[in-house]
Amino acid sequence: MNKQDAQKINEALELLNEAAKGQKDELNSLLSDKYSDLKNSLSGLESTIEDKAGNAAERLRELKASAASQASETASQVDHKVHEEPWKTLGLTVLASLALGVFIGRKDS
């Protein structure tokens, strides 16, 4: 191999090296842009999930408070009725217990 051929090979290798470096920089830039896009998308998704979770938790607190309020109101109404008409309440309780006992004690032939 002569000196001129070696010089041409070195020039070709330098051109290939420069091209590879340019491709490497372009690839790094592209990956960096895609990573940033993905990071922004995930950040937006995280925010949306946090908002929905917060809304769901608030709704559950509201439902719990509503159920407690209704239970308290019903208990108050029952207490008022029992104190207003104790004998009627006792009679209905005995009658319901008797009916339940007959229903449970009944045997199918």
N, C-alpha and C. Protein backbone atom coordinates (compact mmCIF):
# COMPACT_ATOMS: atom_id res chain seq x y z
N MET A 1 0.86 -1.15 0.00
CA MET A 1 0.00 0.00 0.00
C MET A 1 0.91 1.22 0.00
N ASN A 2 0.60 2.16 -0.85
CA ASN A 2 1.45 3.35 -0.93
C ASN A 2 0.92 4.44 -0.02
N LYS A 3 1.69 5.48 0.05
CA LYS A 3 1.39 6.59 0.95
C LYS A 3 0.10 7.29 0.55
N GLN A 4 -0.14 7.42 -0.71
CA GLN A 4 -1.34 8.12 -1.20
C GLN A 4 -2.60 7.31 -0.85
N ASP A 5 -2.55 6.00 -0.94
CA ASP A 5 -3.69 5.16 -0.59
C ASP A 5 -3.97 5.24 0.92
N ALA A 6 -2.92 5.25 1.71
CA ALA A 6 -3.08 5.36 3.16
C ALA A 6 -3.70 6.70 3.53
N GLN A 7 -3.29 7.75 2.80
CA GLN A 7 -3.85 9.08 3.08
C GLN A 7 -5.33 9.11 2.71
N LYS A 8 -5.70 8.51 1.61
CA LYS A 8 -7.12 8.45 1.19
C LYS A 8 -7.95 7.66 2.21
N ILE A 9 -7.39 6.57 2.70
CA ILE A 9 -8.10 5.76 3.71
C ILE A 9 -8.28 6.57 4.99
N ASN A 10 -7.26 7.31 5.41
CA ASN A 10 -7.37 8.15 6.61
C ASN A 10 -8.41 9.24 6.43
N GLU A 11 -8.46 9.86 5.23
CA GLU A 11 -9.46 10.89 4.95
C GLU A 11 -10.86 10.29 4.99
N ALA A 12 -11.01 9.10 4.41
CA ALA A 12 -12.31 8.44 4.42
C ALA A 12 -12.73 8.09 5.85
N LEU A 13 -11.80 7.63 6.66
CA LEU A 13 -12.11 7.32 8.06
C LEU A 13 -12.50 8.57 8.84
N GLU A 14 -11.83 9.68 8.57
CA GLU A 14 -12.16 10.95 9.22
C GLU A 14 -13.57 11.40 8.83
N LEU A 15 -13.91 11.27 7.53
CA LEU A 15 -15.26 11.62 7.08
C LEU A 15 -16.31 10.74 7.77
N LEU A 16 -16.04 9.46 7.85
CA LEU A 16 -16.96 8.55 8.53
C LEU A 16 -17.10 8.89 10.01
N ASN A 17 -16.00 9.23 10.63
CA ASN A 17 -16.00 9.60 12.05
C ASN A 17 -16.82 10.87 12.27
N GLU A 18 -16.66 11.88 11.41
CA GLU A 18 -17.43 13.12 11.52
C GLU A 18 -18.92 12.86 11.29
N ALA A 19 -19.22 12.03 10.30
CA ALA A 19 -20.63 11.69 10.03
C ALA A 19 -21.24 10.97 11.22
N ALA A 20 -20.49 10.05 11.80
CA ALA A 20 -20.98 9.31 12.97
C ALA A 20 -21.20 10.25 14.15
N LYS A 21 -20.29 11.20 14.32
CA LYS A 21 -20.43 12.17 15.41
C LYS A 21 -21.68 13.01 15.20
N GLY A 22 -21.92 13.44 13.94
CA GLY A 22 -23.12 14.22 13.64
C GLY A 22 -24.39 13.41 13.91
N GLN A 23 -24.39 12.14 13.53
CA GLN A 23 -25.54 11.27 13.78
C GLN A 23 -25.75 11.07 15.28
N LYS A 24 -24.65 10.94 16.00
CA LYS A 24 -24.73 10.75 17.46
C LYS A 24 -25.37 11.98 18.10
N ASP A 25 -24.92 13.18 17.69
CA ASP A 25 -25.49 14.40 18.26
C ASP A 25 -26.97 14.53 17.91
N GLU A 26 -27.31 14.19 16.66
CA GLU A 26 -28.71 14.26 16.23
C GLU A 26 -29.57 13.27 17.01
N LEU A 27 -29.05 12.07 17.20
CA LEU A 27 -29.78 11.05 17.96
C LEU A 27 -29.96 11.47 19.42
N ASN A 28 -28.91 12.02 20.02
CA ASN A 28 -29.01 12.51 21.39
C ASN A 28 -30.06 13.61 21.51
N SER A 29 -30.07 14.51 20.55
CA SER A 29 -31.05 15.60 20.54
C SER A 29 -32.47 15.05 20.41
N LEU A 30 -32.67 14.11 19.50
CA LEU A 30 -33.98 13.50 19.29
C LEU A 30 -34.45 12.78 20.55
N LEU A 31 -33.57 12.00 21.16
CA LEU A 31 -33.93 11.29 22.39
C LEU A 31 -34.25 12.26 23.52
N SER A 32 -33.49 13.32 23.61
CA SER A 32 -33.74 14.32 24.65
C SER A 32 -35.11 14.97 24.46
N ASP A 33 -35.46 15.29 23.21
CA ASP A 33 -36.77 15.89 22.93
C ASP A 33 -37.89 14.92 23.27
N LYS A 34 -37.75 13.66 22.88
CA LYS A 34 -38.79 12.66 23.15
C LYS A 34 -38.92 12.42 24.65
N TYR A 35 -37.78 12.42 25.37
CA TYR A 35 -37.81 12.25 26.82
C TYR A 35 -38.56 13.41 27.47
N SER A 36 -38.30 14.62 26.99
CA SER A 36 -38.98 15.79 27.54
C SER A 36 -40.48 15.72 27.28
N ASP A 37 -40.86 15.30 26.06
CA ASP A 37 -42.28 15.14 25.74
C ASP A 37 -42.94 14.11 26.64
N LEU A 38 -42.27 12.99 26.82
CA LEU A 38 -42.81 11.93 27.67
C LEU A 38 -42.93 12.41 29.12
N LYS A 39 -41.93 13.11 29.58
CA LYS A 39 -41.93 13.62 30.96
C LYS A 39 -43.08 14.61 31.15
N ASN A 40 -43.31 15.48 30.18
CA ASN A 40 -44.41 16.44 30.27
C ASN A 40 -45.76 15.73 30.25
N SER A 41 -45.89 14.71 29.39
CA SER A 41 -47.14 13.96 29.33
C SER A 41 -47.42 13.25 30.64
N LEU A 42 -46.41 12.63 31.20
CA LEU A 42 -46.59 11.93 32.47
C LEU A 42 -46.90 12.89 33.60
N SER A 43 -46.30 14.06 33.56
CA SER A 43 -46.57 15.06 34.58
C SER A 43 -48.03 15.50 34.51
N GLY A 44 -48.52 15.72 33.29
CA GLY A 44 -49.93 16.09 33.12
C GLY A 44 -50.86 14.99 33.57
N LEU A 45 -50.50 13.75 33.26
CA LEU A 45 -51.30 12.61 33.67
C LEU A 45 -51.32 12.48 35.19
N GLU A 46 -50.17 12.67 35.81
CA GLU A 46 -50.08 12.61 37.27
C GLU A 46 -50.98 13.66 37.91
N SER A 47 -50.97 14.85 37.36
CA SER A 47 -51.80 15.93 37.88
C SER A 47 -53.28 15.57 37.76
N THR A 48 -53.67 15.01 36.61
CA THR A 48 -55.06 14.62 36.38
C THR A 48 -55.48 13.54 37.37
N ILE A 49 -54.61 12.56 37.57
CA ILE A 49 -54.93 11.47 38.51
C ILE A 49 -55.06 12.01 39.93
N GLU A 50 -54.18 12.91 40.31
CA GLU A 50 -54.26 13.50 41.65
C GLU A 50 -55.57 14.27 41.82
N ASP A 51 -55.98 15.02 40.79
CA ASP A 51 -57.24 15.76 40.86
C ASP A 51 -58.42 14.82 41.02
N LYS A 52 -58.43 13.75 40.20
CA LYS A 52 -59.55 12.81 40.27
C LYS A 52 -59.57 12.08 41.61
N ALA A 53 -58.42 11.73 42.13
CA ALA A 53 -58.36 11.06 43.42
C ALA A 53 -58.85 11.99 44.53
N GLY A 54 -58.46 13.26 44.44
CA GLY A 54 -58.93 14.24 45.42
C GLY A 54 -60.43 14.42 45.35
N ASN A 55 -60.97 14.46 44.12
CA ASN A 55 -62.42 14.60 43.95
C ASN A 55 -63.15 13.38 44.50
N ALA A 56 -62.60 12.19 44.25
CA ALA A 56 -63.23 10.96 44.74
C ALA A 56 -63.20 10.93 46.27
N ALA A 57 -62.10 11.33 46.86
CA ALA A 57 -62.00 11.34 48.33
C ALA A 57 -62.99 12.34 48.92
N GLU A 58 -63.13 13.49 48.28
CA GLU A 58 -64.09 14.50 48.76
C GLU A 58 -65.51 13.96 48.66
N ARG A 59 -65.82 13.29 47.55
CA ARG A 59 -67.16 12.72 47.36
C ARG A 59 -67.44 11.65 48.41
N LEU A 60 -66.44 10.83 48.72
CA LEU A 60 -66.63 9.82 49.76
C LEU A 60 -66.88 10.45 51.13
N ARG A 61 -66.17 11.54 51.42
CA ARG A 61 -66.40 12.24 52.70
C ARG A 61 -67.83 12.80 52.75
N GLU A 62 -68.28 13.34 51.62
CA GLU A 62 -69.64 13.87 51.56
C GLU A 62 -70.68 12.76 51.77
N LEU A 63 -70.47 11.61 51.10
CA LEU A 63 -71.40 10.49 51.24
C LEU A 63 -71.42 9.96 52.67
N LYS A 64 -70.24 9.90 53.29
CA LYS A 64 -70.16 9.42 54.67
C LYS A 64 -70.91 10.37 55.60
N ALA A 65 -70.72 11.66 55.41
CA ALA A 65 -71.42 12.65 56.24
C ALA A 65 -72.93 12.58 56.02
N SER A 66 -73.34 12.40 54.76
CA SER A 66 -74.76 12.31 54.44
C SER A 66 -75.38 11.07 55.07
N ALA A 67 -74.69 9.93 54.97
CA ALA A 67 -75.19 8.69 55.56
C ALA A 67 -75.29 8.80 57.08
N ALA A 68 -74.29 9.41 57.69
CA ALA A 68 -74.32 9.59 59.16
C ALA A 68 -75.47 10.50 59.56
N SER A 69 -75.68 11.55 58.79
CA SER A 69 -76.78 12.48 59.08
C SER A 69 -78.13 11.78 58.95
N GLN A 70 -78.30 11.00 57.88
CA GLN A 70 -79.57 10.29 57.68
C GLN A 70 -79.79 9.25 58.76
N ALA A 71 -78.75 8.54 59.15
CA ALA A 71 -78.87 7.53 60.20
C ALA A 71 -79.25 8.20 61.53
N SER A 72 -78.63 9.32 61.81
CA SER A 72 -78.94 10.05 63.04
C SER A 72 -80.38 10.56 63.03
N GLU A 73 -80.80 11.06 61.89
CA GLU A 73 -82.17 11.57 61.77
C GLU A 73 -83.19 10.44 61.92
N THR A 74 -82.93 9.30 61.30
CA THR A 74 -83.83 8.15 61.41
C THR A 74 -83.89 7.64 62.84
N ALA A 75 -82.74 7.56 63.50
CA ALA A 75 -82.71 7.12 64.90
C ALA A 75 -83.49 8.08 65.78
N SER A 76 -83.38 9.35 65.51
CA SER A 76 -84.12 10.36 66.28
C SER A 76 -85.62 10.20 66.07
N GLN A 77 -86.04 9.96 64.82
CA GLN A 77 -87.46 9.77 64.53
C GLN A 77 -88.01 8.51 65.21
N VAL A 78 -87.23 7.43 65.17
CA VAL A 78 -87.66 6.18 65.81
C VAL A 78 -87.77 6.41 67.32
N ASP A 79 -86.78 7.06 67.91
CA ASP A 79 -86.79 7.34 69.34
C ASP A 79 -88.02 8.17 69.72
N HIS A 80 -88.33 9.16 68.89
CA HIS A 80 -89.48 10.02 69.16
C HIS A 80 -90.78 9.21 69.10
N LYS A 81 -90.92 8.34 68.07
CA LYS A 81 -92.13 7.51 67.93
C LYS A 81 -92.26 6.54 69.10
N VAL A 82 -91.16 5.93 69.52
CA VAL A 82 -91.21 4.97 70.63
C VAL A 82 -91.65 5.67 71.91
N HIS A 83 -91.14 6.87 72.15
CA HIS A 83 -91.53 7.60 73.36
C HIS A 83 -92.94 8.15 73.25
N GLU A 84 -93.39 8.42 72.06
CA GLU A 84 -94.72 8.97 71.85
C GLU A 84 -95.79 7.89 72.04
N GLU A 85 -95.52 6.67 71.52
CA GLU A 85 -96.49 5.57 71.59
C GLU A 85 -95.77 4.28 72.00
N PRO A 86 -95.37 4.15 73.28
CA PRO A 86 -94.59 2.99 73.69
C PRO A 86 -95.36 1.67 73.60
N TRP A 87 -96.66 1.65 73.92
CA TRP A 87 -97.42 0.40 73.91
C TRP A 87 -97.65 -0.09 72.49
N LYS A 88 -97.89 0.84 71.60
CA LYS A 88 -98.06 0.47 70.19
C LYS A 88 -96.76 -0.12 69.64
N THR A 89 -95.66 0.49 69.98
CA THR A 89 -94.35 0.01 69.52
C THR A 89 -94.07 -1.38 70.08
N LEU A 90 -94.36 -1.57 71.37
CA LEU A 90 -94.14 -2.87 72.01
C LEU A 90 -95.01 -3.94 71.35
N GLY A 91 -96.27 -3.61 71.09
CA GLY A 91 -97.19 -4.57 70.46
C GLY A 91 -96.71 -4.95 69.06
N LEU A 92 -96.28 -3.96 68.28
CA LEU A 92 -95.78 -4.25 66.93
C LEU A 92 -94.52 -5.10 66.98
N THR A 93 -93.67 -4.86 67.95
CA THR A 93 -92.44 -5.63 68.10
C THR A 93 -92.76 -7.08 68.44
N VAL A 94 -93.72 -7.28 69.37
CA VAL A 94 -94.12 -8.63 69.76
C VAL A 94 -94.74 -9.34 68.57
N LEU A 95 -95.61 -8.66 67.83
CA LEU A 95 -96.28 -9.24 66.67
C LEU A 95 -95.25 -9.63 65.59
N ALA A 96 -94.30 -8.76 65.32
CA ALA A 96 -93.26 -9.06 64.32
C ALA A 96 -92.40 -10.24 64.77
N SER A 97 -92.07 -10.30 66.06
CA SER A 97 -91.27 -11.41 66.59
C SER A 97 -92.03 -12.72 66.47
N LEU A 98 -93.33 -12.70 66.78
CA LEU A 98 -94.16 -13.89 66.68
C LEU A 98 -94.23 -14.37 65.24
N ALA A 99 -94.45 -13.45 64.29
CA ALA A 99 -94.53 -13.82 62.88
C ALA A 99 -93.20 -14.40 62.40
N LEU A 100 -92.11 -13.82 62.82
CA LEU A 100 -90.79 -14.33 62.44
C LEU A 100 -90.56 -15.71 63.03
N GLY A 101 -90.96 -15.92 64.28
CA GLY A 101 -90.82 -17.22 64.92
C GLY A 101 -91.63 -18.29 64.22
N VAL A 102 -92.87 -17.94 63.83
CA VAL A 102 -93.71 -18.91 63.12
C VAL A 102 -93.09 -19.22 61.76
N PHE A 103 -92.61 -18.22 61.07
CA PHE A 103 -92.01 -18.41 59.75
C PHE A 103 -90.77 -19.29 59.83
N ILE A 104 -89.93 -19.05 60.82
CA ILE A 104 -88.68 -19.84 60.98
C ILE A 104 -89.01 -21.24 61.45
N GLY A 105 -90.01 -21.37 62.37
CA GLY A 105 -90.33 -22.67 62.94
C GLY A 105 -91.15 -23.55 62.04
N ARG A 106 -91.69 -23.03 60.99
CA ARG A 106 -92.53 -23.80 60.07
C ARG A 106 -91.68 -24.81 59.30
N LYS A 107 -92.16 -26.03 59.27
CA LYS A 107 -91.44 -27.07 58.55
C LYS A 107 -92.24 -27.43 57.31
N ASP A 108 -91.53 -27.56 56.19
CA ASP A 108 -92.16 -27.97 54.95
C ASP A 108 -92.34 -29.48 54.95
N SER A 109 -93.50 -29.92 54.66
CA SER A 109 -93.76 -31.37 54.67
C SER A 109 -93.48 -32.00 53.33
